[in-house]
Each structure stands twice: as structure tokens, then as C-alpha cells.
Amino acid sequence: MAVETRSFPQGSAHCTQFGLSVAALFRLYHRPLLRWLRQHMATPADADDVAQEAWIRLLGYEGSSSIQSPKSMIYRVAANLLCDEARRRKSRRQSDHDSLSEESLELTSSAPDVERIVESADAYMAVRRQIDALPPKCRQIFLLSRVHGMSNAQIAAHCSISIKTVEKHLSNALAALIANKAALVDGF
């Protein structure tokens, strides 16, 4: 298939004696091209980028005398770049991405901060001291129940005491810890 080409007249604004002058085209069509691109692009910066790329591509035709309509050529190159950009954005699903701002760059962690860790360690030590202050048998039964997860019947069998005695020791341990709870809360 033969492509018909005709030379543009040498006296035209975009032509020199050596063929196409991209500099002359730029002076004539850059602003109108930018206006047209800004109507079709999401941001002015995107339009500027596409226009720049179009002019760079047109530089490949510098000095050519076979372009039928240089104005049409620059707009066709820009339109093709618009299509390419639209395809790229669609493939990246750019519209699904959030832009990053300085505020959103602040990283947060689900890990507790150092102050919270120290407070927790202090609270643990306070509870531990209260448990250690319980009478030995009461402390043993409380730890078997709460730490080791033994049932009252298992504790009774383990310590060779009745289930009622286990219940009494657990009740006394809890009462002592609850009585000291106010001191813990006020201290933190």
C-alpha cells in the first residue's frame, strides 16, 4: 500500500530550505497543543509531560520534507501518547491508588510504644508482688487455678484437700487481689 506524501511549500512557517523545522512548529503550536492536552488530561503536569514527549518524538522528523501537514502530525503524535498513557493508567489501575501526602507518610505501628511496655511491666510486677504476698497455700492454689488452668477438683486431688477448701482459698486470694486493685489503679 503506497502512502501518498506531498511536500509542503518551502516558504511555509514550519519549513526551511532543509525541510521541517521543529523549532518553528514549537513556536506556532506549543500553546494550542498544551491547551488541547489539558482538556484531555487529569492534571496540567500530565499534559506538560505528554506535550514534551510529543515534541521530542517530532524531533525525529527534523529536516523531513515528506510530512503532509506538520500541525496534524504533532496533534496525531500527542493523541497517540494520550492513548498510550490511558492504557498505562488502566493497566496499573492508577485510579485505585491513593496519592501520598506528608501526613500519610507517617508510619504507625500496632506494637505498643515504649511507655506502654514499661507501664505494663510495672503493673505485672505489682500484681506479682501481691500474689507473692498471699499465704503459701492460698498462693499455690491460686496459681494452679489461674496460671496452670487446673479445675477445682484437680487442685483438690493434687493438694489432697477438699474442693470446698480449694474454693475458700481461691475466694480469699481474689478478695486480697481485688482489695489491692484500687492501689494498683491509683498508682498507674
N, C-alpha and C. Protein backbone atom coordinates (compact mmCIF):
# COMPACT_ATOMS: atom_id res chain seq x y z
N MET A 1 0.85 -1.16 0.00
CA MET A 1 0.00 0.00 0.00
C MET A 1 0.90 1.23 0.00
N ALA A 2 0.72 2.05 -0.94
CA ALA A 2 1.54 3.25 -1.08
C ALA A 2 0.92 4.38 -0.30
N VAL A 3 1.74 5.11 0.42
CA VAL A 3 1.28 6.26 1.18
C VAL A 3 1.60 7.50 0.37
N GLU A 4 0.56 8.28 0.14
CA GLU A 4 0.78 9.50 -0.63
C GLU A 4 1.39 10.55 0.28
N THR A 5 2.48 11.09 -0.12
CA THR A 5 3.10 12.18 0.62
C THR A 5 3.30 13.33 -0.32
N ARG A 6 3.10 14.49 0.20
CA ARG A 6 3.41 15.65 -0.62
C ARG A 6 4.24 16.58 0.21
N SER A 7 5.09 17.23 -0.41
CA SER A 7 5.97 18.15 0.28
C SER A 7 5.23 19.44 0.56
N PHE A 8 5.53 20.05 1.70
CA PHE A 8 4.94 21.34 1.99
C PHE A 8 5.80 22.41 1.34
N PRO A 9 5.21 23.54 1.06
CA PRO A 9 5.95 24.59 0.37
C PRO A 9 7.09 25.09 1.21
N GLN A 10 8.20 25.39 0.58
CA GLN A 10 9.39 25.81 1.31
C GLN A 10 9.20 27.13 2.02
N GLY A 11 8.34 27.93 1.62
CA GLY A 11 8.15 29.23 2.26
C GLY A 11 7.24 29.18 3.47
N SER A 12 6.68 28.02 3.82
CA SER A 12 5.75 27.96 4.95
C SER A 12 6.49 28.17 6.26
N ALA A 13 5.71 28.48 7.31
CA ALA A 13 6.30 28.83 8.60
C ALA A 13 7.05 27.67 9.24
N HIS A 14 6.70 26.43 8.89
CA HIS A 14 7.35 25.29 9.53
C HIS A 14 8.38 24.64 8.63
N CYS A 15 8.75 25.32 7.61
CA CYS A 15 9.67 24.73 6.66
C CYS A 15 10.84 25.67 6.41
N THR A 16 11.97 25.07 6.30
CA THR A 16 13.15 25.83 5.89
C THR A 16 13.62 25.22 4.58
N GLN A 17 14.68 25.71 4.07
CA GLN A 17 15.21 25.13 2.83
C GLN A 17 15.68 23.71 3.06
N PHE A 18 15.85 23.33 4.35
CA PHE A 18 16.32 21.99 4.68
C PHE A 18 15.18 21.06 5.10
N GLY A 19 13.93 21.49 5.06
CA GLY A 19 12.79 20.66 5.42
C GLY A 19 12.11 21.16 6.69
N LEU A 20 11.49 20.24 7.41
CA LEU A 20 10.69 20.56 8.59
C LEU A 20 11.54 21.22 9.68
N SER A 21 11.01 22.31 10.26
CA SER A 21 11.66 22.97 11.38
C SER A 21 10.81 22.78 12.62
N VAL A 22 11.25 21.90 13.52
CA VAL A 22 10.51 21.62 14.75
C VAL A 22 10.47 22.88 15.62
N ALA A 23 11.51 23.67 15.60
CA ALA A 23 11.54 24.91 16.39
C ALA A 23 10.43 25.85 15.93
N ALA A 24 10.25 25.96 14.63
CA ALA A 24 9.18 26.83 14.10
C ALA A 24 7.81 26.27 14.47
N LEU A 25 7.65 24.97 14.37
CA LEU A 25 6.38 24.34 14.78
C LEU A 25 6.11 24.58 16.26
N PHE A 26 7.15 24.46 17.07
CA PHE A 26 7.01 24.66 18.51
C PHE A 26 6.50 26.07 18.80
N ARG A 27 7.10 27.07 18.15
CA ARG A 27 6.67 28.46 18.38
C ARG A 27 5.20 28.65 17.98
N LEU A 28 4.77 28.00 16.93
CA LEU A 28 3.41 28.18 16.45
C LEU A 28 2.36 27.38 17.23
N TYR A 29 2.70 26.15 17.59
CA TYR A 29 1.67 25.22 18.07
C TYR A 29 1.82 24.74 19.51
N HIS A 30 2.86 25.14 20.20
CA HIS A 30 3.05 24.62 21.56
C HIS A 30 1.91 25.03 22.50
N ARG A 31 1.57 26.29 22.55
CA ARG A 31 0.48 26.73 23.46
C ARG A 31 -0.86 26.11 23.09
N PRO A 32 -1.26 26.13 21.82
CA PRO A 32 -2.54 25.48 21.48
C PRO A 32 -2.53 23.98 21.80
N LEU A 33 -1.38 23.33 21.58
CA LEU A 33 -1.27 21.91 21.90
C LEU A 33 -1.45 21.67 23.40
N LEU A 34 -0.81 22.51 24.22
CA LEU A 34 -0.96 22.38 25.67
C LEU A 34 -2.41 22.58 26.10
N ARG A 35 -3.07 23.59 25.54
CA ARG A 35 -4.49 23.81 25.89
C ARG A 35 -5.32 22.58 25.56
N TRP A 36 -5.07 22.01 24.38
CA TRP A 36 -5.82 20.84 23.96
C TRP A 36 -5.53 19.65 24.88
N LEU A 37 -4.27 19.44 25.23
CA LEU A 37 -3.91 18.33 26.11
C LEU A 37 -4.49 18.51 27.51
N ARG A 38 -4.49 19.73 28.01
CA ARG A 38 -5.02 19.98 29.36
C ARG A 38 -6.51 19.71 29.44
N GLN A 39 -7.19 19.79 28.32
CA GLN A 39 -8.62 19.45 28.29
C GLN A 39 -8.83 17.93 28.37
N HIS A 40 -7.81 17.18 28.01
CA HIS A 40 -7.95 15.73 27.94
C HIS A 40 -7.16 14.98 29.01
N MET A 41 -6.38 15.69 29.81
CA MET A 41 -5.55 15.04 30.82
C MET A 41 -6.06 15.35 32.23
N ALA A 42 -5.70 14.52 33.16
CA ALA A 42 -6.15 14.67 34.55
C ALA A 42 -5.53 15.88 35.22
N THR A 43 -4.26 16.13 34.94
CA THR A 43 -3.58 17.25 35.59
C THR A 43 -2.78 18.03 34.56
N PRO A 44 -2.53 19.31 34.82
CA PRO A 44 -1.69 20.09 33.91
C PRO A 44 -0.28 19.49 33.78
N ALA A 45 0.24 18.94 34.85
CA ALA A 45 1.57 18.34 34.80
C ALA A 45 1.60 17.16 33.82
N ASP A 46 0.53 16.35 33.81
CA ASP A 46 0.46 15.24 32.86
C ASP A 46 0.43 15.77 31.43
N ALA A 47 -0.33 16.85 31.21
CA ALA A 47 -0.39 17.46 29.87
C ALA A 47 0.97 17.97 29.46
N ASP A 48 1.69 18.59 30.37
CA ASP A 48 3.04 19.08 30.07
C ASP A 48 3.96 17.93 29.68
N ASP A 49 3.86 16.82 30.40
CA ASP A 49 4.71 15.66 30.11
C ASP A 49 4.42 15.09 28.72
N VAL A 50 3.13 14.97 28.38
CA VAL A 50 2.76 14.43 27.08
C VAL A 50 3.22 15.38 25.96
N ALA A 51 3.05 16.69 26.17
CA ALA A 51 3.48 17.66 25.16
C ALA A 51 5.00 17.56 24.95
N GLN A 52 5.73 17.46 26.04
CA GLN A 52 7.19 17.36 25.92
C GLN A 52 7.58 16.11 25.14
N GLU A 53 6.94 15.00 25.45
CA GLU A 53 7.25 13.76 24.75
C GLU A 53 6.88 13.87 23.27
N ALA A 54 5.78 14.53 22.96
CA ALA A 54 5.37 14.71 21.56
C ALA A 54 6.42 15.51 20.79
N TRP A 55 6.90 16.59 21.39
CA TRP A 55 7.91 17.40 20.71
C TRP A 55 9.21 16.63 20.54
N ILE A 56 9.56 15.84 21.52
CA ILE A 56 10.78 15.02 21.41
C ILE A 56 10.64 14.03 20.26
N ARG A 57 9.48 13.41 20.15
CA ARG A 57 9.27 12.46 19.06
C ARG A 57 9.28 13.16 17.69
N LEU A 58 8.73 14.36 17.66
CA LEU A 58 8.70 15.10 16.39
C LEU A 58 10.11 15.50 15.95
N LEU A 59 11.02 15.62 16.90
CA LEU A 59 12.40 15.95 16.53
C LEU A 59 13.00 14.91 15.59
N GLY A 60 12.48 13.71 15.63
CA GLY A 60 12.94 12.66 14.71
C GLY A 60 12.64 12.98 13.26
N TYR A 61 11.72 13.91 13.03
CA TYR A 61 11.36 14.30 11.68
C TYR A 61 12.00 15.63 11.26
N GLU A 62 12.88 16.17 12.08
CA GLU A 62 13.56 17.43 11.77
C GLU A 62 14.21 17.33 10.39
N GLY A 63 13.93 18.31 9.55
CA GLY A 63 14.51 18.36 8.21
C GLY A 63 13.75 17.55 7.18
N SER A 64 12.75 16.78 7.58
CA SER A 64 12.00 15.96 6.63
C SER A 64 11.14 16.87 5.75
N SER A 65 11.02 16.48 4.52
CA SER A 65 10.18 17.26 3.60
C SER A 65 9.00 16.43 3.12
N SER A 66 8.77 15.27 3.74
CA SER A 66 7.70 14.39 3.27
C SER A 66 6.45 14.41 4.17
N ILE A 67 6.37 15.28 5.14
CA ILE A 67 5.21 15.34 6.02
C ILE A 67 4.16 16.23 5.37
N GLN A 68 2.94 15.70 5.23
CA GLN A 68 1.87 16.42 4.57
C GLN A 68 1.42 17.64 5.35
N SER A 69 1.16 17.43 6.64
CA SER A 69 0.66 18.52 7.47
C SER A 69 1.36 18.47 8.81
N PRO A 70 2.35 19.31 9.01
CA PRO A 70 3.10 19.27 10.28
C PRO A 70 2.21 19.51 11.50
N LYS A 71 1.21 20.38 11.40
CA LYS A 71 0.30 20.63 12.53
C LYS A 71 -0.46 19.35 12.87
N SER A 72 -0.98 18.70 11.85
CA SER A 72 -1.71 17.44 12.08
C SER A 72 -0.78 16.39 12.69
N MET A 73 0.45 16.40 12.24
CA MET A 73 1.43 15.43 12.72
C MET A 73 1.65 15.58 14.23
N ILE A 74 1.87 16.81 14.70
CA ILE A 74 2.13 16.99 16.14
C ILE A 74 0.90 16.62 16.96
N TYR A 75 -0.29 16.96 16.47
CA TYR A 75 -1.51 16.59 17.20
C TYR A 75 -1.73 15.08 17.17
N ARG A 76 -1.39 14.42 16.07
CA ARG A 76 -1.53 12.96 15.99
C ARG A 76 -0.57 12.29 16.97
N VAL A 77 0.67 12.77 17.02
CA VAL A 77 1.65 12.20 17.96
C VAL A 77 1.14 12.38 19.39
N ALA A 78 0.63 13.57 19.72
CA ALA A 78 0.11 13.83 21.07
C ALA A 78 -1.10 12.94 21.37
N ALA A 79 -2.00 12.77 20.40
CA ALA A 79 -3.18 11.92 20.60
C ALA A 79 -2.76 10.47 20.85
N ASN A 80 -1.76 10.01 20.11
CA ASN A 80 -1.26 8.64 20.32
C ASN A 80 -0.66 8.50 21.72
N LEU A 81 0.06 9.52 22.16
CA LEU A 81 0.63 9.48 23.52
C LEU A 81 -0.47 9.47 24.58
N LEU A 82 -1.56 10.21 24.32
CA LEU A 82 -2.71 10.19 25.24
C LEU A 82 -3.26 8.78 25.36
N CYS A 83 -3.40 8.11 24.22
CA CYS A 83 -3.91 6.73 24.24
C CYS A 83 -2.97 5.81 25.00
N ASP A 84 -1.67 5.98 24.75
CA ASP A 84 -0.68 5.16 25.46
C ASP A 84 -0.77 5.38 26.96
N GLU A 85 -0.88 6.65 27.36
CA GLU A 85 -0.97 6.99 28.79
C GLU A 85 -2.23 6.39 29.42
N ALA A 86 -3.34 6.47 28.69
CA ALA A 86 -4.60 5.90 29.20
C ALA A 86 -4.46 4.39 29.39
N ARG A 87 -3.82 3.73 28.44
CA ARG A 87 -3.60 2.28 28.57
C ARG A 87 -2.72 1.96 29.77
N ARG A 88 -1.66 2.75 29.96
CA ARG A 88 -0.76 2.53 31.10
C ARG A 88 -1.51 2.71 32.42
N ARG A 89 -2.29 3.78 32.50
CA ARG A 89 -3.03 4.03 33.75
C ARG A 89 -4.04 2.91 34.01
N LYS A 90 -4.69 2.47 32.98
CA LYS A 90 -5.68 1.40 33.15
C LYS A 90 -5.01 0.11 33.60
N SER A 91 -3.85 -0.20 33.02
CA SER A 91 -3.17 -1.44 33.40
C SER A 91 -2.62 -1.37 34.82
N ARG A 92 -2.26 -0.19 35.27
CA ARG A 92 -1.77 -0.03 36.64
C ARG A 92 -2.90 0.23 37.61
N ARG A 93 -4.09 0.45 37.08
CA ARG A 93 -5.26 0.79 37.89
C ARG A 93 -4.92 1.95 38.82
N GLN A 94 -4.33 2.97 38.23
CA GLN A 94 -3.85 4.14 38.96
C GLN A 94 -4.99 4.80 39.75
N SER A 95 -6.20 4.72 39.25
CA SER A 95 -7.31 5.37 39.95
C SER A 95 -7.60 4.70 41.29
N ASP A 96 -7.14 3.46 41.48
CA ASP A 96 -7.36 2.77 42.74
C ASP A 96 -6.32 3.13 43.80
N HIS A 97 -5.30 3.86 43.41
CA HIS A 97 -4.22 4.20 44.33
C HIS A 97 -4.48 5.56 44.96
N ASP A 98 -4.09 5.70 46.18
CA ASP A 98 -4.18 6.97 46.87
C ASP A 98 -2.86 7.70 46.71
N SER A 99 -2.95 9.00 46.57
CA SER A 99 -1.71 9.76 46.49
C SER A 99 -1.14 9.89 47.89
N LEU A 100 0.16 9.97 47.97
CA LEU A 100 0.82 10.08 49.26
C LEU A 100 1.04 11.54 49.60
N SER A 101 0.65 11.89 50.79
CA SER A 101 0.93 13.23 51.28
C SER A 101 1.89 13.08 52.45
N GLU A 102 2.43 14.19 52.89
CA GLU A 102 3.38 14.14 54.00
C GLU A 102 2.72 13.54 55.24
N GLU A 103 1.42 13.85 55.45
CA GLU A 103 0.73 13.34 56.63
C GLU A 103 0.58 11.82 56.56
N SER A 104 0.33 11.29 55.34
CA SER A 104 0.11 9.85 55.22
C SER A 104 1.41 9.06 55.26
N LEU A 105 2.55 9.74 55.17
CA LEU A 105 3.83 9.04 55.21
C LEU A 105 4.25 8.68 56.62
N GLU A 106 3.57 9.24 57.62
CA GLU A 106 3.91 8.91 59.00
C GLU A 106 3.53 7.46 59.24
N LEU A 107 4.50 6.67 59.60
CA LEU A 107 4.27 5.25 59.80
C LEU A 107 3.75 4.99 61.21
N THR A 108 2.75 4.17 61.29
CA THR A 108 2.21 3.79 62.59
C THR A 108 2.45 2.29 62.77
N SER A 109 2.56 1.91 64.01
CA SER A 109 2.81 0.52 64.32
C SER A 109 1.75 0.02 65.28
N SER A 110 1.39 -1.23 65.13
CA SER A 110 0.43 -1.82 66.05
C SER A 110 1.13 -2.25 67.35
N ALA A 111 2.44 -2.23 67.35
CA ALA A 111 3.20 -2.58 68.55
C ALA A 111 3.07 -1.45 69.57
N PRO A 112 2.96 -1.79 70.84
CA PRO A 112 2.83 -0.74 71.86
C PRO A 112 4.11 0.09 71.95
N ASP A 113 3.95 1.35 72.33
CA ASP A 113 5.13 2.19 72.46
C ASP A 113 5.88 1.83 73.74
N VAL A 114 7.06 2.36 73.88
CA VAL A 114 7.95 2.01 75.00
C VAL A 114 7.28 2.36 76.33
N GLU A 115 6.63 3.50 76.38
CA GLU A 115 5.98 3.92 77.63
C GLU A 115 4.93 2.90 78.06
N ARG A 116 4.16 2.42 77.10
CA ARG A 116 3.11 1.43 77.40
C ARG A 116 3.74 0.11 77.87
N ILE A 117 4.84 -0.28 77.27
CA ILE A 117 5.52 -1.52 77.67
C ILE A 117 6.02 -1.40 79.10
N VAL A 118 6.60 -0.25 79.44
CA VAL A 118 7.12 -0.05 80.80
C VAL A 118 5.96 -0.06 81.80
N GLU A 119 4.86 0.61 81.46
CA GLU A 119 3.69 0.61 82.36
C GLU A 119 3.17 -0.81 82.58
N SER A 120 3.11 -1.58 81.49
CA SER A 120 2.63 -2.96 81.60
C SER A 120 3.56 -3.80 82.47
N ALA A 121 4.85 -3.61 82.30
CA ALA A 121 5.82 -4.36 83.11
C ALA A 121 5.70 -3.97 84.58
N ASP A 122 5.50 -2.68 84.84
CA ASP A 122 5.32 -2.23 86.23
C ASP A 122 4.05 -2.81 86.83
N ALA A 123 2.97 -2.82 86.05
CA ALA A 123 1.70 -3.38 86.54
C ALA A 123 1.84 -4.87 86.81
N TYR A 124 2.53 -5.58 85.91
CA TYR A 124 2.76 -7.01 86.10
C TYR A 124 3.53 -7.26 87.40
N MET A 125 4.58 -6.47 87.62
CA MET A 125 5.38 -6.64 88.83
C MET A 125 4.56 -6.36 90.09
N ALA A 126 3.66 -5.36 90.03
CA ALA A 126 2.83 -5.04 91.19
C ALA A 126 1.88 -6.20 91.50
N VAL A 127 1.28 -6.77 90.46
CA VAL A 127 0.38 -7.92 90.66
C VAL A 127 1.19 -9.11 91.17
N ARG A 128 2.35 -9.29 90.60
CA ARG A 128 3.19 -10.41 91.03
C ARG A 128 3.55 -10.28 92.52
N ARG A 129 3.86 -9.06 92.97
CA ARG A 129 4.17 -8.84 94.39
C ARG A 129 2.94 -9.16 95.26
N GLN A 130 1.75 -8.78 94.78
CA GLN A 130 0.53 -9.07 95.55
C GLN A 130 0.31 -10.58 95.65
N ILE A 131 0.54 -11.30 94.56
CA ILE A 131 0.39 -12.75 94.59
C ILE A 131 1.42 -13.37 95.53
N ASP A 132 2.65 -12.87 95.47
CA ASP A 132 3.70 -13.39 96.35
C ASP A 132 3.40 -13.11 97.82
N ALA A 133 2.62 -12.06 98.09
CA ALA A 133 2.27 -11.70 99.47
C ALA A 133 1.16 -12.59 100.03
N LEU A 134 0.50 -13.38 99.19
CA LEU A 134 -0.56 -14.27 99.67
C LEU A 134 0.06 -15.37 100.54
N PRO A 135 -0.72 -15.92 101.47
CA PRO A 135 -0.22 -17.07 102.24
C PRO A 135 0.19 -18.20 101.28
N PRO A 136 1.18 -19.01 101.64
CA PRO A 136 1.73 -20.01 100.71
C PRO A 136 0.68 -20.96 100.10
N LYS A 137 -0.20 -21.52 100.91
CA LYS A 137 -1.20 -22.47 100.38
C LYS A 137 -2.19 -21.74 99.47
N CYS A 138 -2.60 -20.55 99.87
CA CYS A 138 -3.53 -19.74 99.08
C CYS A 138 -2.88 -19.39 97.73
N ARG A 139 -1.61 -18.98 97.77
CA ARG A 139 -0.87 -18.63 96.55
C ARG A 139 -0.76 -19.84 95.63
N GLN A 140 -0.42 -21.01 96.19
CA GLN A 140 -0.27 -22.23 95.39
C GLN A 140 -1.57 -22.58 94.67
N ILE A 141 -2.67 -22.53 95.39
CA ILE A 141 -3.97 -22.87 94.80
C ILE A 141 -4.36 -21.85 93.73
N PHE A 142 -4.13 -20.57 94.02
CA PHE A 142 -4.46 -19.52 93.05
C PHE A 142 -3.65 -19.73 91.75
N LEU A 143 -2.35 -20.01 91.85
CA LEU A 143 -1.51 -20.20 90.67
C LEU A 143 -1.88 -21.47 89.90
N LEU A 144 -2.23 -22.54 90.63
CA LEU A 144 -2.67 -23.76 89.95
C LEU A 144 -3.95 -23.50 89.15
N SER A 145 -4.82 -22.69 89.70
CA SER A 145 -6.08 -22.39 89.03
C SER A 145 -5.89 -21.43 87.85
N ARG A 146 -5.26 -20.29 88.11
CA ARG A 146 -5.18 -19.22 87.10
C ARG A 146 -4.05 -19.39 86.10
N VAL A 147 -2.90 -19.87 86.55
CA VAL A 147 -1.75 -19.98 85.65
C VAL A 147 -1.74 -21.33 84.94
N HIS A 148 -1.99 -22.39 85.69
CA HIS A 148 -1.90 -23.73 85.11
C HIS A 148 -3.24 -24.23 84.59
N GLY A 149 -4.32 -23.52 84.86
CA GLY A 149 -5.63 -23.85 84.31
C GLY A 149 -6.27 -25.12 84.87
N MET A 150 -5.89 -25.49 86.09
CA MET A 150 -6.46 -26.70 86.68
C MET A 150 -7.85 -26.41 87.24
N SER A 151 -8.72 -27.39 87.19
CA SER A 151 -10.07 -27.23 87.76
C SER A 151 -9.98 -27.36 89.28
N ASN A 152 -11.04 -26.98 89.97
CA ASN A 152 -11.07 -27.08 91.43
C ASN A 152 -10.89 -28.53 91.88
N ALA A 153 -11.51 -29.46 91.17
CA ALA A 153 -11.39 -30.88 91.53
C ALA A 153 -9.95 -31.37 91.33
N GLN A 154 -9.30 -30.92 90.26
CA GLN A 154 -7.91 -31.33 90.02
C GLN A 154 -6.99 -30.76 91.10
N ILE A 155 -7.23 -29.51 91.49
CA ILE A 155 -6.42 -28.89 92.54
C ILE A 155 -6.61 -29.63 93.86
N ALA A 156 -7.86 -29.96 94.16
CA ALA A 156 -8.16 -30.68 95.40
C ALA A 156 -7.41 -32.01 95.43
N ALA A 157 -7.43 -32.74 94.33
CA ALA A 157 -6.74 -34.02 94.26
C ALA A 157 -5.22 -33.82 94.35
N HIS A 158 -4.72 -32.80 93.70
CA HIS A 158 -3.29 -32.52 93.68
C HIS A 158 -2.77 -32.14 95.07
N CYS A 159 -3.55 -31.36 95.80
CA CYS A 159 -3.11 -30.87 97.12
C CYS A 159 -3.64 -31.73 98.27
N SER A 160 -4.41 -32.74 97.96
CA SER A 160 -5.01 -33.61 98.98
C SER A 160 -5.87 -32.83 99.96
N ILE A 161 -6.74 -31.96 99.40
CA ILE A 161 -7.68 -31.19 100.22
C ILE A 161 -9.05 -31.28 99.56
N SER A 162 -10.07 -30.79 100.25
CA SER A 162 -11.42 -30.85 99.70
C SER A 162 -11.63 -29.72 98.68
N ILE A 163 -12.65 -29.92 97.86
CA ILE A 163 -13.00 -28.91 96.86
C ILE A 163 -13.43 -27.63 97.56
N LYS A 164 -14.15 -27.73 98.69
CA LYS A 164 -14.59 -26.57 99.46
C LYS A 164 -13.38 -25.75 99.93
N THR A 165 -12.32 -26.43 100.35
CA THR A 165 -11.11 -25.73 100.81
C THR A 165 -10.45 -25.01 99.63
N VAL A 166 -10.45 -25.65 98.47
CA VAL A 166 -9.91 -25.00 97.27
C VAL A 166 -10.70 -23.74 96.98
N GLU A 167 -12.02 -23.83 97.01
CA GLU A 167 -12.89 -22.68 96.75
C GLU A 167 -12.63 -21.56 97.76
N LYS A 168 -12.43 -21.93 99.04
CA LYS A 168 -12.17 -20.94 100.07
C LYS A 168 -10.84 -20.21 99.81
N HIS A 169 -9.80 -20.95 99.45
CA HIS A 169 -8.50 -20.33 99.17
C HIS A 169 -8.57 -19.42 97.93
N LEU A 170 -9.28 -19.86 96.91
CA LEU A 170 -9.43 -19.03 95.71
C LEU A 170 -10.20 -17.75 96.03
N SER A 171 -11.23 -17.90 96.84
CA SER A 171 -12.03 -16.74 97.24
C SER A 171 -11.19 -15.74 98.03
N ASN A 172 -10.38 -16.24 98.97
CA ASN A 172 -9.50 -15.37 99.76
C ASN A 172 -8.45 -14.68 98.87
N ALA A 173 -7.88 -15.43 97.92
CA ALA A 173 -6.87 -14.86 97.03
C ALA A 173 -7.47 -13.74 96.18
N LEU A 174 -8.63 -13.99 95.62
CA LEU A 174 -9.29 -12.98 94.78
C LEU A 174 -9.68 -11.75 95.60
N ALA A 175 -10.17 -11.98 96.82
CA ALA A 175 -10.55 -10.85 97.68
C ALA A 175 -9.32 -9.98 97.99
N ALA A 176 -8.19 -10.62 98.26
CA ALA A 176 -6.97 -9.87 98.57
C ALA A 176 -6.49 -9.08 97.34
N LEU A 177 -6.56 -9.70 96.18
CA LEU A 177 -6.13 -9.01 94.95
C LEU A 177 -7.07 -7.86 94.60
N ILE A 178 -8.37 -8.07 94.78
CA ILE A 178 -9.34 -7.00 94.49
C ILE A 178 -9.17 -5.85 95.47
N ALA A 179 -8.89 -6.17 96.72
CA ALA A 179 -8.69 -5.12 97.72
C ALA A 179 -7.49 -4.25 97.34
N ASN A 180 -6.48 -4.83 96.76
CA ASN A 180 -5.29 -4.08 96.36
C ASN A 180 -5.40 -3.48 94.95
N LYS A 181 -6.49 -3.80 94.26
CA LYS A 181 -6.67 -3.29 92.90
C LYS A 181 -6.74 -1.77 92.88
N ALA A 182 -7.39 -1.18 93.87
CA ALA A 182 -7.51 0.28 93.92
C ALA A 182 -6.12 0.90 94.01
N ALA A 183 -5.23 0.30 94.76
CA ALA A 183 -3.88 0.82 94.89
C ALA A 183 -3.14 0.71 93.55
N LEU A 184 -3.38 -0.35 92.81
CA LEU A 184 -2.76 -0.52 91.50
C LEU A 184 -3.25 0.56 90.53
N VAL A 185 -4.56 0.73 90.47
CA VAL A 185 -5.15 1.70 89.54
C VAL A 185 -4.70 3.11 89.88
N ASP A 186 -4.69 3.46 91.14
CA ASP A 186 -4.25 4.79 91.53
C ASP A 186 -2.77 5.00 91.26
N GLY A 187 -1.98 3.94 91.36
CA GLY A 187 -0.55 4.07 91.13
C GLY A 187 -0.18 4.21 89.67
N PHE A 188 -1.11 3.87 88.76
CA PHE A 188 -0.81 3.95 87.30
C PHE A 188 -1.77 4.89 86.71
